[in-house]
Amino acid sequence: MEFGICLQCVIPVRSEPSHRAEMVTQLLFGELFKILIFEKEWAKIEMAYDDYHGWIPGNQIGVLTEKEFLHLFNTENIITSELVQLISNLTSKTIFPIVVGSSLPGYKNGEFKILGETYYFDGETSSGPSFETFKTPAELLRAKQEIVSDAMLYLNAPYLWGGRTPFGIDCSGFSQMVYKLNRIRLLRDASQQALQGETLSFLSEAEPGDLAFFDNEQGNIIHVGIIIDPSHIIHASGKVRIDSIDHEGIYNVAESRYTHKLRVIKRIV
């Protein structure tokens, strides 16, 4: 098996080995993956962050040895927290943008190394709260409010199926990236995320940062959002927006109708 790392701002990950195929997710700078198979000019990968599978062009891969992969995988990753930031490759003397939620493995004193090249970054980063260190409910609640604060970074970002960036993001990509900023690992799809955490019985029990999931007529989980308070939710639907929520679901005031039917509320932290 071979391994790789994303050394571009964003790499689309597709359902099939074709540029015309559906984009199912995205790789951001610094994210690692395993290469499962090569097919002509494409590689099927498994993302190290969430075990998601898809196809990327072979010429967009930064190839790692297993030793390099394991070293980077086990190295603390600093997460970038500004919407768009510049990063410098000091080896090739180039500058390029990266987006919020990108990973900087081994970042220290403004620099880090990947594949023998040295990169420089002086933008804002997010260490995220260490939820295990909070000893009182009040401390934990304040920490969870940081999840909501980070969610606001994406407010009004356009909806994009498979997206994970402020230039286009889907509902589960939104919840995953906000939690990533807070050092909490969520799976990729809403139906997968709904299997994580503790189930709450009532919406009135929800705290800031809890996740609400919504289903279709067949009972399949199709949507997720982040609770702001027991009556408001931030979620990606057309764009990242704030709407009202009650025991029936999400109510869009502008459209004067319920747009999503509430299925379950989960507490991840």
C-alpha atoms as a PDB file:
ATOM      1  CA  MET A   1       0.000   0.000   0.000  1.00  0.00           C
ATOM      2  CA  GLU A   2       1.144   3.533  -0.780  1.00  0.00           C
ATOM      3  CA  PHE A   3       0.361   6.744   1.075  1.00  0.00           C
ATOM      4  CA  GLY A   4      -0.106  10.404   0.283  1.00  0.00           C
ATOM      5  CA  ILE A   5      -0.673  13.934   1.541  1.00  0.00           C
ATOM      6  CA  CYS A   6      -2.597  16.866   0.093  1.00  0.00           C
ATOM      7  CA  LEU A   7      -0.175  19.678  -0.772  1.00  0.00           C
ATOM      8  CA  GLN A   8      -2.729  21.842  -2.547  1.00  0.00           C
ATOM      9  CA  CYS A   9      -5.357  24.192  -1.161  1.00  0.00           C
ATOM     10  CA  VAL A  10      -8.165  21.751  -2.039  1.00  0.00           C
ATOM     11  CA  ILE A  11      -8.386  18.496  -3.991  1.00  0.00           C
ATOM     12  CA  PRO A  12     -11.863  17.309  -5.067  1.00  0.00           C
ATOM     13  CA  VAL A  13     -12.505  13.658  -4.182  1.00  0.00           C
ATOM     14  CA  ARG A  14     -14.855  11.975  -6.673  1.00  0.00           C
ATOM     15  CA  SER A  15     -17.125   8.935  -6.660  1.00  0.00           C
ATOM     16  CA  GLU A  16     -15.537   7.507  -9.826  1.00  0.00           C
ATOM     17  CA  PRO A  17     -12.205   7.992 -11.655  1.00  0.00           C
ATOM     18  CA  SER A  18     -13.461  10.853 -13.830  1.00  0.00           C
ATOM     19  CA  HIS A  19     -13.512  14.642 -13.651  1.00  0.00           C
ATOM     20  CA  ARG A  20     -17.218  14.423 -14.537  1.00  0.00           C
ATOM     21  CA  ALA A  21     -18.029  12.174 -11.584  1.00  0.00           C
ATOM     22  CA  GLU A  22     -19.821  13.408  -8.464  1.00  0.00           C
ATOM     23  CA  MET A  23     -17.619  15.154  -5.898  1.00  0.00           C
ATOM     24  CA  VAL A  24     -18.202  13.285  -2.641  1.00  0.00           C
ATOM     25  CA  THR A  25     -15.791  15.225  -0.415  1.00  0.00           C
ATOM     26  CA  GLN A  26     -12.609  17.301  -0.483  1.00  0.00           C
ATOM     27  CA  LEU A  27      -9.056  16.985   0.779  1.00  0.00           C
ATOM     28  CA  LEU A  28      -7.597  20.095   2.392  1.00  0.00           C
ATOM     29  CA  PHE A  29      -3.935  21.013   2.676  1.00  0.00           C
ATOM     30  CA  GLY A  30      -2.007  18.724   5.012  1.00  0.00           C
ATOM     31  CA  GLU A  31      -4.607  15.938   5.150  1.00  0.00           C
ATOM     32  CA  LEU A  32      -3.287  12.397   4.816  1.00  0.00           C
ATOM     33  CA  PHE A  33      -4.624   9.402   2.934  1.00  0.00           C
ATOM     34  CA  LYS A  34      -3.906   5.822   1.957  1.00  0.00           C
ATOM     35  CA  ILE A  35      -3.722   4.918  -1.732  1.00  0.00           C
ATOM     36  CA  LEU A  36      -5.840   1.801  -2.256  1.00  0.00           C
ATOM     37  CA  ILE A  37      -5.468   1.262  -6.022  1.00  0.00           C
ATOM     38  CA  PHE A  38      -4.295   3.071  -9.139  1.00  0.00           C
ATOM     39  CA  GLU A  39      -6.432   3.047 -12.282  1.00  0.00           C
ATOM     40  CA  LYS A  40      -4.830   4.755 -15.269  1.00  0.00           C
ATOM     41  CA  GLU A  41      -4.391   8.404 -14.199  1.00  0.00           C
ATOM     42  CA  TRP A  42      -6.499   8.096 -11.049  1.00  0.00           C
ATOM     43  CA  ALA A  43      -6.017   6.793  -7.518  1.00  0.00           C
ATOM     44  CA  LYS A  44      -8.649   5.459  -5.158  1.00  0.00           C
ATOM     45  CA  ILE A  45      -7.882   6.702  -1.664  1.00  0.00           C
ATOM     46  CA  GLU A  46      -8.988   6.310   1.936  1.00  0.00           C
ATOM     47  CA  MET A  47      -8.771   9.533   3.919  1.00  0.00           C
ATOM     48  CA  ALA A  48      -6.900   9.138   7.201  1.00  0.00           C
ATOM     49  CA  TYR A  49      -9.131  11.648   8.987  1.00  0.00           C
ATOM     50  CA  ASP A  50     -12.487   9.906   8.505  1.00  0.00           C
ATOM     51  CA  ASP A  51     -11.808   6.704   6.476  1.00  0.00           C
ATOM     52  CA  TYR A  52     -13.806   8.109   3.538  1.00  0.00           C
ATOM     53  CA  HIS A  53     -13.175   6.595   0.096  1.00  0.00           C
ATOM     54  CA  GLY A  54     -13.012   8.320  -3.275  1.00  0.00           C
ATOM     55  CA  TRP A  55     -10.924   9.027  -6.357  1.00  0.00           C
ATOM     56  CA  ILE A  56      -8.370  11.791  -7.017  1.00  0.00           C
ATOM     57  CA  PRO A  57      -6.081  12.460  -9.994  1.00  0.00           C
ATOM     58  CA  GLY A  58      -2.740  10.722  -9.606  1.00  0.00           C
ATOM     59  CA  ASN A  59      -0.821  13.872 -10.521  1.00  0.00           C
ATOM     60  CA  GLN A  60      -2.217  15.688  -7.458  1.00  0.00           C
ATOM     61  CA  ILE A  61      -0.707  13.261  -4.955  1.00  0.00           C
ATOM     62  CA  GLY A  62       2.209  14.061  -2.679  1.00  0.00           C
ATOM     63  CA  VAL A  63       3.483  10.495  -2.301  1.00  0.00           C
ATOM     64  CA  LEU A  64       4.711   9.392   1.141  1.00  0.00           C
ATOM     65  CA  THR A  65       6.498   6.281   2.310  1.00  0.00           C
ATOM     66  CA  GLU A  66       4.781   4.317   5.067  1.00  0.00           C
ATOM     67  CA  LYS A  67       7.373   5.637   7.517  1.00  0.00           C
ATOM     68  CA  GLU A  68       6.713   9.244   6.463  1.00  0.00           C
ATOM     69  CA  PHE A  69       2.944   8.674   6.623  1.00  0.00           C
ATOM     70  CA  LEU A  70       3.088   7.207  10.131  1.00  0.00           C
ATOM     71  CA  HIS A  71       5.392   9.997  11.314  1.00  0.00           C
ATOM     72  CA  LEU A  72       3.011  12.700  10.051  1.00  0.00           C
ATOM     73  CA  PHE A  73      -0.064  10.792  11.236  1.00  0.00           C
ATOM     74  CA  ASN A  74       1.330  10.584  14.764  1.00  0.00           C
ATOM     75  CA  THR A  75       2.558  14.197  14.778  1.00  0.00           C
ATOM     76  CA  GLU A  76       0.338  16.869  16.294  1.00  0.00           C
ATOM     77  CA  ASN A  77      -1.533  18.736  13.568  1.00  0.00           C
ATOM     78  CA  ILE A  78      -2.119  22.431  14.076  1.00  0.00           C
ATOM     79  CA  ILE A  79      -5.412  23.503  12.456  1.00  0.00           C
ATOM     80  CA  THR A  80      -5.682  26.822  10.609  1.00  0.00           C
ATOM     81  CA  SER A  81      -8.550  29.018  11.766  1.00  0.00           C
ATOM     82  CA  GLU A  82      -8.770  32.010   9.396  1.00  0.00           C
ATOM     83  CA  LEU A  83     -11.065  31.770   6.378  1.00  0.00           C
ATOM     84  CA  VAL A  84      -8.212  32.094   3.889  1.00  0.00           C
ATOM     85  CA  GLN A  85      -4.521  32.360   4.708  1.00  0.00           C
ATOM     86  CA  LEU A  86      -1.227  32.350   2.832  1.00  0.00           C
ATOM     87  CA  ILE A  87       1.433  29.721   3.255  1.00  0.00           C
ATOM     88  CA  SER A  88       4.997  29.882   1.934  1.00  0.00           C
ATOM     89  CA  ASN A  89       7.051  27.029   0.567  1.00  0.00           C
ATOM     90  CA  LEU A  90      10.508  28.232   1.578  1.00  0.00           C
ATOM     91  CA  THR A  91      12.206  25.498  -0.478  1.00  0.00           C
ATOM     92  CA  SER A  92      10.613  26.405  -3.827  1.00  0.00           C
ATOM     93  CA  LYS A  93      10.045  30.045  -2.791  1.00  0.00           C
ATOM     94  CA  THR A  94       6.341  29.987  -3.683  1.00  0.00           C
ATOM     95  CA  ILE A  95       3.283  31.372  -1.895  1.00  0.00           C
ATOM     96  CA  PHE A  96      -0.220  29.918  -2.129  1.00  0.00           C
ATOM     97  CA  PRO A  97      -3.542  30.099  -0.220  1.00  0.00           C
ATOM     98  CA  ILE A  98      -5.026  27.556   2.165  1.00  0.00           C
ATOM     99  CA  VAL A  99      -8.462  27.582   3.780  1.00  0.00           C
ATOM    100  CA  VAL A 100      -9.787  27.288   7.320  1.00  0.00           C
ATOM    101  CA  GLY A 101      -9.487  23.760   8.700  1.00  0.00           C
ATOM    102  CA  SER A 102      -6.280  22.895   6.856  1.00  0.00           C
ATOM    103  CA  SER A 103      -3.695  20.837   8.736  1.00  0.00           C
ATOM    104  CA  LEU A 104      -0.093  21.769   9.495  1.00  0.00           C
ATOM    105  CA  PRO A 105       1.699  18.614  10.694  1.00  0.00           C
ATOM    106  CA  GLY A 106       4.663  19.269  12.951  1.00  0.00           C
ATOM    107  CA  TYR A 107       4.096  23.034  12.979  1.00  0.00           C
ATOM    108  CA  LYS A 108       6.457  24.814  15.380  1.00  0.00           C
ATOM    109  CA  ASN A 109       7.686  28.411  15.557  1.00  0.00           C
ATOM    110  CA  GLY A 110       6.046  29.254  12.250  1.00  0.00           C
ATOM    111  CA  GLU A 111       7.565  26.407  10.242  1.00  0.00           C
ATOM    112  CA  PHE A 112       6.998  22.748   9.404  1.00  0.00           C
ATOM    113  CA  LYS A 113       8.464  20.206   6.946  1.00  0.00           C
ATOM    114  CA  ILE A 114       6.810  17.827   4.499  1.00  0.00           C
ATOM    115  CA  LEU A 115       8.696  15.612   2.034  1.00  0.00           C
ATOM    116  CA  GLY A 116      11.938  17.456   2.658  1.00  0.00           C
ATOM    117  CA  GLU A 117      10.421  20.866   1.917  1.00  0.00           C
ATOM    118  CA  THR A 118      10.098  23.615   4.497  1.00  0.00           C
ATOM    119  CA  TYR A 119       6.883  25.631   4.800  1.00  0.00           C
ATOM    120  CA  TYR A 120       6.264  28.871   6.687  1.00  0.00           C
ATOM    121  CA  PHE A 121       2.950  30.011   8.146  1.00  0.00           C
ATOM    122  CA  ASP A 122       2.186  32.926  10.466  1.00  0.00           C
ATOM    123  CA  GLY A 123      -1.619  32.983  10.401  1.00  0.00           C
ATOM    124  CA  GLU A 124      -4.141  32.155  13.109  1.00  0.00           C
ATOM    125  CA  THR A 125      -4.449  28.586  14.334  1.00  0.00           C
ATOM    126  CA  SER A 126      -6.950  26.746  16.516  1.00  0.00           C
ATOM    127  CA  SER A 127      -5.748  24.465  19.258  1.00  0.00           C
ATOM    128  CA  GLY A 128      -9.338  23.773  20.274  1.00  0.00           C
ATOM    129  CA  PRO A 129     -10.557  23.220  23.818  1.00  0.00           C
ATOM    130  CA  SER A 130      -9.372  20.170  25.727  1.00  0.00           C
ATOM    131  CA  PHE A 131     -12.783  19.025  26.866  1.00  0.00           C
ATOM    132  CA  GLU A 132     -11.292  16.438  29.213  1.00  0.00           C
ATOM    133  CA  THR A 133      -9.694  19.206  31.306  1.00  0.00           C
ATOM    134  CA  PHE A 134     -12.924  20.980  32.175  1.00  0.00           C
ATOM    135  CA  LYS A 135     -14.120  19.960  35.625  1.00  0.00           C
ATOM    136  CA  THR A 136     -17.403  21.863  36.051  1.00  0.00           C
ATOM    137  CA  PRO A 137     -20.539  22.032  33.873  1.00  0.00           C
ATOM    138  CA  ALA A 138     -20.053  25.785  33.498  1.00  0.00           C
ATOM    139  CA  GLU A 139     -16.507  25.333  32.164  1.00  0.00           C
ATOM    140  CA  LEU A 140     -17.660  22.681  29.727  1.00  0.00           C
ATOM    141  CA  LEU A 141     -20.559  24.821  28.516  1.00  0.00           C
ATOM    142  CA  ARG A 142     -18.235  27.759  27.855  1.00  0.00           C
ATOM    143  CA  ALA A 143     -15.969  25.445  25.890  1.00  0.00           C
ATOM    144  CA  LYS A 144     -18.893  24.104  23.872  1.00  0.00           C
ATOM    145  CA  GLN A 145     -19.897  27.653  23.003  1.00  0.00           C
ATOM    146  CA  GLU A 146     -16.578  27.844  21.129  1.00  0.00           C
ATOM    147  CA  ILE A 147     -18.029  25.285  18.717  1.00  0.00           C
ATOM    148  CA  VAL A 148     -20.851  27.706  17.917  1.00  0.00           C
ATOM    149  CA  SER A 149     -18.378  30.578  17.630  1.00  0.00           C
ATOM    150  CA  ASP A 150     -16.331  28.603  15.087  1.00  0.00           C
ATOM    151  CA  ALA A 151     -19.506  27.692  13.193  1.00  0.00           C
ATOM    152  CA  MET A 152     -20.100  31.408  12.607  1.00  0.00           C
ATOM    153  CA  LEU A 153     -16.905  31.511  10.511  1.00  0.00           C
ATOM    154  CA  TYR A 154     -18.853  29.758   7.770  1.00  0.00           C
ATOM    155  CA  LEU A 155     -22.025  31.858   7.976  1.00  0.00           C
ATOM    156  CA  ASN A 156     -23.382  32.561   4.447  1.00  0.00           C
ATOM    157  CA  ALA A 157     -20.912  30.155   2.812  1.00  0.00           C
ATOM    158  CA  PRO A 158     -22.664  28.709  -0.274  1.00  0.00           C
ATOM    159  CA  TYR A 159     -23.911  25.135  -0.267  1.00  0.00           C
ATOM    160  CA  LEU A 160     -21.828  22.688  -2.295  1.00  0.00           C
ATOM    161  CA  TRP A 161     -22.397  18.938  -2.312  1.00  0.00           C
ATOM    162  CA  GLY A 162     -19.186  17.330  -1.043  1.00  0.00           C
ATOM    163  CA  GLY A 163     -17.710  20.686   0.006  1.00  0.00           C
ATOM    164  CA  ARG A 164     -15.639  21.314   3.136  1.00  0.00           C
ATOM    165  CA  THR A 165     -14.527  24.943   2.629  1.00  0.00           C
ATOM    166  CA  PRO A 166     -16.027  28.444   3.088  1.00  0.00           C
ATOM    167  CA  PHE A 167     -16.226  28.655  -0.729  1.00  0.00           C
ATOM    168  CA  GLY A 168     -18.720  25.778  -0.746  1.00  0.00           C
ATOM    169  CA  ILE A 169     -19.765  23.323   1.938  1.00  0.00           C
ATOM    170  CA  ASP A 170     -22.465  20.720   2.569  1.00  0.00           C
ATOM    171  CA  CYS A 171     -24.308  20.052   5.815  1.00  0.00           C
ATOM    172  CA  SER A 172     -22.110  17.242   7.143  1.00  0.00           C
ATOM    173  CA  GLY A 173     -18.930  18.846   5.816  1.00  0.00           C
ATOM    174  CA  PHE A 174     -19.916  21.919   7.842  1.00  0.00           C
ATOM    175  CA  SER A 175     -20.402  20.018  11.101  1.00  0.00           C
ATOM    176  CA  GLN A 176     -17.256  17.964  10.492  1.00  0.00           C
ATOM    177  CA  MET A 177     -15.051  21.009   9.859  1.00  0.00           C
ATOM    178  CA  VAL A 178     -16.404  22.995  12.824  1.00  0.00           C
ATOM    179  CA  TYR A 179     -15.707  20.043  15.092  1.00  0.00           C
ATOM    180  CA  LYS A 180     -12.275  19.584  13.486  1.00  0.00           C
ATOM    181  CA  LEU A 181     -11.415  23.139  14.563  1.00  0.00           C
ATOM    182  CA  ASN A 182     -12.189  21.991  18.095  1.00  0.00           C
ATOM    183  CA  ARG A 183     -10.095  18.806  17.870  1.00  0.00           C
ATOM    184  CA  ILE A 184     -13.139  16.519  17.770  1.00  0.00           C
ATOM    185  CA  ARG A 185     -13.262  13.940  14.994  1.00  0.00           C
ATOM    186  CA  LEU A 186     -16.574  13.459  13.205  1.00  0.00           C
ATOM    187  CA  LEU A 187     -17.200  11.045  10.366  1.00  0.00           C
ATOM    188  CA  ARG A 188     -18.043  12.474   6.941  1.00  0.00           C
ATOM    189  CA  ASP A 189     -21.726  11.844   6.202  1.00  0.00           C
ATOM    190  CA  ALA A 190     -24.705  12.914   8.320  1.00  0.00           C
ATOM    191  CA  SER A 191     -25.892   9.296   8.590  1.00  0.00           C
ATOM    192  CA  GLN A 192     -22.459   8.320   9.967  1.00  0.00           C
ATOM    193  CA  GLN A 193     -22.277  11.249  12.377  1.00  0.00           C
ATOM    194  CA  ALA A 194     -25.722  10.314  13.725  1.00  0.00           C
ATOM    195  CA  LEU A 195     -24.175   7.102  15.087  1.00  0.00           C
ATOM    196  CA  GLN A 196     -21.683   9.036  17.217  1.00  0.00           C
ATOM    197  CA  GLY A 197     -22.196  10.531  20.666  1.00  0.00           C
ATOM    198  CA  GLU A 198     -25.012  10.376  23.217  1.00  0.00           C
ATOM    199  CA  THR A 199     -28.681  10.587  22.249  1.00  0.00           C
ATOM    200  CA  LEU A 200     -30.760  13.296  23.947  1.00  0.00           C
ATOM    201  CA  SER A 201     -34.447  12.734  24.639  1.00  0.00           C
ATOM    202  CA  PHE A 202     -35.706  16.283  24.175  1.00  0.00           C
ATOM    203  CA  LEU A 203     -34.686  19.425  22.322  1.00  0.00           C
ATOM    204  CA  SER A 204     -34.948  21.340  25.597  1.00  0.00           C
ATOM    205  CA  GLU A 205     -31.943  19.332  26.847  1.00  0.00           C
ATOM    206  CA  ALA A 206     -29.727  20.542  23.985  1.00  0.00           C
ATOM    207  CA  GLU A 207     -26.700  22.717  24.651  1.00  0.00           C
ATOM    208  CA  PRO A 208     -24.680  24.893  22.252  1.00  0.00           C
ATOM    209  CA  GLY A 209     -22.646  22.699  19.919  1.00  0.00           C
ATOM    210  CA  ASP A 210     -24.892  19.636  20.078  1.00  0.00           C
ATOM    211  CA  LEU A 211     -25.872  18.133  16.725  1.00  0.00           C
ATOM    212  CA  ALA A 212     -29.418  17.773  15.383  1.00  0.00           C
ATOM    213  CA  PHE A 213     -30.177  15.236  12.646  1.00  0.00           C
ATOM    214  CA  PHE A 214     -33.077  15.174  10.222  1.00  0.00           C
ATOM    215  CA  ASP A 215     -34.580  12.408   8.091  1.00  0.00           C
ATOM    216  CA  ASN A 216     -36.640  11.973   4.923  1.00  0.00           C
ATOM    217  CA  GLU A 217     -39.936  10.160   4.385  1.00  0.00           C
ATOM    218  CA  GLN A 218     -38.086   6.836   4.241  1.00  0.00           C
ATOM    219  CA  GLY A 219     -36.517   7.457   7.655  1.00  0.00           C
ATOM    220  CA  ASN A 220     -32.994   7.970   6.288  1.00  0.00           C
ATOM    221  CA  ILE A 221     -30.794  10.630   7.924  1.00  0.00           C
ATOM    222  CA  ILE A 222     -30.177  13.263   5.250  1.00  0.00           C
ATOM    223  CA  HIS A 223     -29.250  16.456   7.120  1.00  0.00           C
ATOM    224  CA  VAL A 224     -27.362  17.727  10.160  1.00  0.00           C
ATOM    225  CA  GLY A 225     -26.958  21.071  11.887  1.00  0.00           C
ATOM    226  CA  ILE A 226     -25.311  22.561  14.970  1.00  0.00           C
ATOM    227  CA  ILE A 227     -27.512  23.694  17.863  1.00  0.00           C
ATOM    228  CA  ILE A 228     -26.988  27.322  18.907  1.00  0.00           C
ATOM    229  CA  ASP A 229     -29.629  27.187  21.654  1.00  0.00           C
ATOM    230  CA  PRO A 230     -32.815  25.112  22.088  1.00  0.00           C
ATOM    231  CA  SER A 231     -34.660  27.274  19.549  1.00  0.00           C
ATOM    232  CA  HIS A 232     -31.995  28.071  16.929  1.00  0.00           C
ATOM    233  CA  ILE A 233     -29.719  26.058  14.672  1.00  0.00           C
ATOM    234  CA  ILE A 234     -26.927  26.858  12.213  1.00  0.00           C
ATOM    235  CA  HIS A 235     -26.747  24.561   9.199  1.00  0.00           C
ATOM    236  CA  ALA A 236     -25.875  24.392   5.496  1.00  0.00           C
ATOM    237  CA  SER A 237     -28.998  24.507   3.354  1.00  0.00           C
ATOM    238  CA  GLY A 238     -28.640  26.663   0.241  1.00  0.00           C
ATOM    239  CA  LYS A 239     -26.014  28.451   2.304  1.00  0.00           C
ATOM    240  CA  VAL A 240     -24.824  28.285   5.887  1.00  0.00           C
ATOM    241  CA  ARG A 241     -27.693  29.939   7.716  1.00  0.00           C
ATOM    242  CA  ILE A 242     -29.367  30.318  11.096  1.00  0.00           C
ATOM    243  CA  ASP A 243     -32.961  29.095  11.403  1.00  0.00           C
ATOM    244  CA  SER A 244     -35.495  28.356  14.102  1.00  0.00           C
ATOM    245  CA  ILE A 245     -35.872  24.799  15.399  1.00  0.00           C
ATOM    246  CA  ASP A 246     -38.527  23.077  17.487  1.00  0.00           C
ATOM    247  CA  HIS A 247     -39.592  19.495  18.192  1.00  0.00           C
ATOM    248  CA  GLU A 248     -40.945  19.158  14.630  1.00  0.00           C
ATOM    249  CA  GLY A 249     -37.822  20.348  12.862  1.00  0.00           C
ATOM    250  CA  ILE A 250     -36.242  23.379  11.181  1.00  0.00           C
ATOM    251  CA  TYR A 251     -38.603  26.249  10.437  1.00  0.00           C
ATOM    252  CA  ASN A 252     -37.572  28.680   7.695  1.00  0.00           C
ATOM    253  CA  VAL A 253     -39.177  32.022   8.555  1.00  0.00           C
ATOM    254  CA  ALA A 254     -38.572  33.490   5.081  1.00  0.00           C
ATOM    255  CA  GLU A 255     -40.382  30.565   3.443  1.00  0.00           C
ATOM    256  CA  SER A 256     -42.955  30.217   6.253  1.00  0.00           C
ATOM    257  CA  ARG A 257     -42.551  26.437   6.345  1.00  0.00           C
ATOM    258  CA  TYR A 258     -40.698  23.549   7.913  1.00  0.00           C
ATOM    259  CA  THR A 259     -37.808  22.490   5.683  1.00  0.00           C
ATOM    260  CA  HIS A 260     -36.362  19.551   7.666  1.00  0.00           C
ATOM    261  CA  LYS A 261     -38.000  16.984   9.964  1.00  0.00           C
ATOM    262  CA  LEU A 262     -36.187  16.419  13.270  1.00  0.00           C
ATOM    263  CA  ARG A 263     -35.099  12.833  13.915  1.00  0.00           C
ATOM    264  CA  VAL A 264     -32.542  12.834  16.741  1.00  0.00           C
ATOM    265  CA  ILE A 265     -30.268  15.105  18.786  1.00  0.00           C
ATOM    266  CA  LYS A 266     -26.779  13.911  19.686  1.00  0.00           C
ATOM    267  CA  ARG A 267     -24.251  15.191  22.205  1.00  0.00           C
ATOM    268  CA  ILE A 268     -20.711  14.545  21.037  1.00  0.00           C
ATOM    269  CA  VAL A 269     -18.920  16.262  23.972  1.00  0.00           C
END
